[in-house]
Amino acid sequence: MSPTVFREDGYRFFFFSREEERMHVHVVSGEGEAKFWLEPEIELAKNYNYSRKQLKTIESLVEAHYNELIGAWKQHFGS
């Protein structure tokens, strides 16, 4: 199961249910896929096929939805 937290600008931001404990979010679209750590700070963990410009846009969206992502993580994983 991989619950979607939100969708924006063609990107889907979601979690995988069984993964490492460090808070992070996955991002996918038709162009590629990425993973961003949410703690101790927002940081790119993995990138498949996104350009620097796309990563900058995605990181801005992660920043804009940071509190929502943290809240959804805590609700989903119960931590």
Protein backbone atom coordinates (compact mmCIF):
# COMPACT_ATOMS: atom_id res chain seq x y z
CA MET A 1 0.00 0.00 0.00
CA SER A 2 1.32 3.44 -0.86
CA PRO A 3 -0.98 6.21 0.35
CA THR A 4 -0.96 9.44 -1.65
CA VAL A 5 -0.48 12.52 0.53
CA PHE A 6 -1.14 15.04 -2.26
CA ARG A 7 -0.86 15.66 -6.00
CA GLU A 8 0.33 18.91 -7.53
CA ASP A 9 1.72 20.02 -10.92
CA GLY A 10 1.51 16.45 -12.24
CA TYR A 11 3.51 15.01 -9.34
CA ARG A 12 2.21 12.45 -6.85
CA PHE A 13 3.66 12.60 -3.33
CA PHE A 14 3.30 9.38 -1.36
CA PHE A 15 4.72 6.92 1.18
CA PHE A 16 5.46 3.23 0.88
CA SER A 17 3.97 1.37 3.83
CA ARG A 18 7.00 -0.76 4.68
CA GLU A 19 10.24 1.15 4.54
CA GLU A 20 12.95 2.61 6.73
CA GLU A 21 11.89 4.65 9.73
CA ARG A 22 13.55 7.95 8.74
CA MET A 23 10.83 10.31 7.50
CA HIS A 24 10.79 10.72 3.74
CA VAL A 25 8.43 11.11 0.81
CA HIS A 26 8.41 9.57 -2.66
CA VAL A 27 7.50 11.59 -5.74
CA VAL A 28 6.48 10.19 -9.10
CA SER A 29 5.24 11.54 -12.42
CA GLY A 30 5.38 10.52 -16.07
CA GLU A 31 8.92 11.89 -16.32
CA GLY A 32 10.58 10.22 -13.35
CA GLU A 33 10.73 9.39 -9.69
CA ALA A 34 12.50 10.79 -6.63
CA LYS A 35 12.75 10.41 -2.88
CA PHE A 36 13.28 13.24 -0.41
CA TRP A 37 14.27 12.95 3.23
CA LEU A 38 12.08 15.09 5.50
CA GLU A 39 14.41 14.95 8.51
CA PRO A 40 16.70 16.22 9.88
CA GLU A 41 16.13 18.54 6.89
CA ILE A 42 14.61 18.33 3.42
CA GLU A 43 17.20 16.65 1.21
CA LEU A 44 17.21 14.68 -2.02
CA ALA A 45 17.78 10.97 -1.31
CA LYS A 46 17.29 9.45 -4.79
CA ASN A 47 16.56 10.71 -8.28
CA TYR A 48 15.55 8.78 -11.38
CA ASN A 49 15.32 10.87 -14.52
CA TYR A 50 14.35 14.30 -13.16
CA SER A 51 16.24 17.39 -14.33
CA ARG A 52 17.74 19.87 -11.89
CA LYS A 53 14.88 22.27 -12.68
CA GLN A 54 12.26 19.59 -11.93
CA LEU A 55 14.00 18.68 -8.67
CA LYS A 56 13.97 22.33 -7.63
CA THR A 57 10.21 22.50 -8.33
CA ILE A 58 9.60 19.25 -6.41
CA GLU A 59 11.69 20.41 -3.46
CA SER A 60 9.67 23.66 -3.36
CA LEU A 61 6.45 21.61 -3.24
CA VAL A 62 7.86 19.46 -0.43
CA GLU A 63 8.73 22.64 1.49
CA ALA A 64 5.27 24.14 0.87
CA HIS A 65 3.54 20.96 2.09
CA TYR A 66 6.06 20.09 4.81
CA ASN A 67 3.64 20.21 7.76
CA GLU A 68 1.06 18.21 5.82
CA LEU A 69 3.68 15.57 4.96
CA ILE A 70 4.90 15.29 8.56
CA GLY A 71 1.33 15.02 9.83
CA ALA A 72 0.43 12.38 7.24
CA TRP A 73 3.60 10.40 8.08
CA LYS A 74 2.77 10.41 11.79
CA GLN A 75 -0.83 9.42 11.11
CA HIS A 76 0.15 6.64 8.70
CA PHE A 77 3.04 5.18 10.66
CA GLY A 78 1.75 6.05 14.13
CA SER A 79 4.97 7.72 15.30
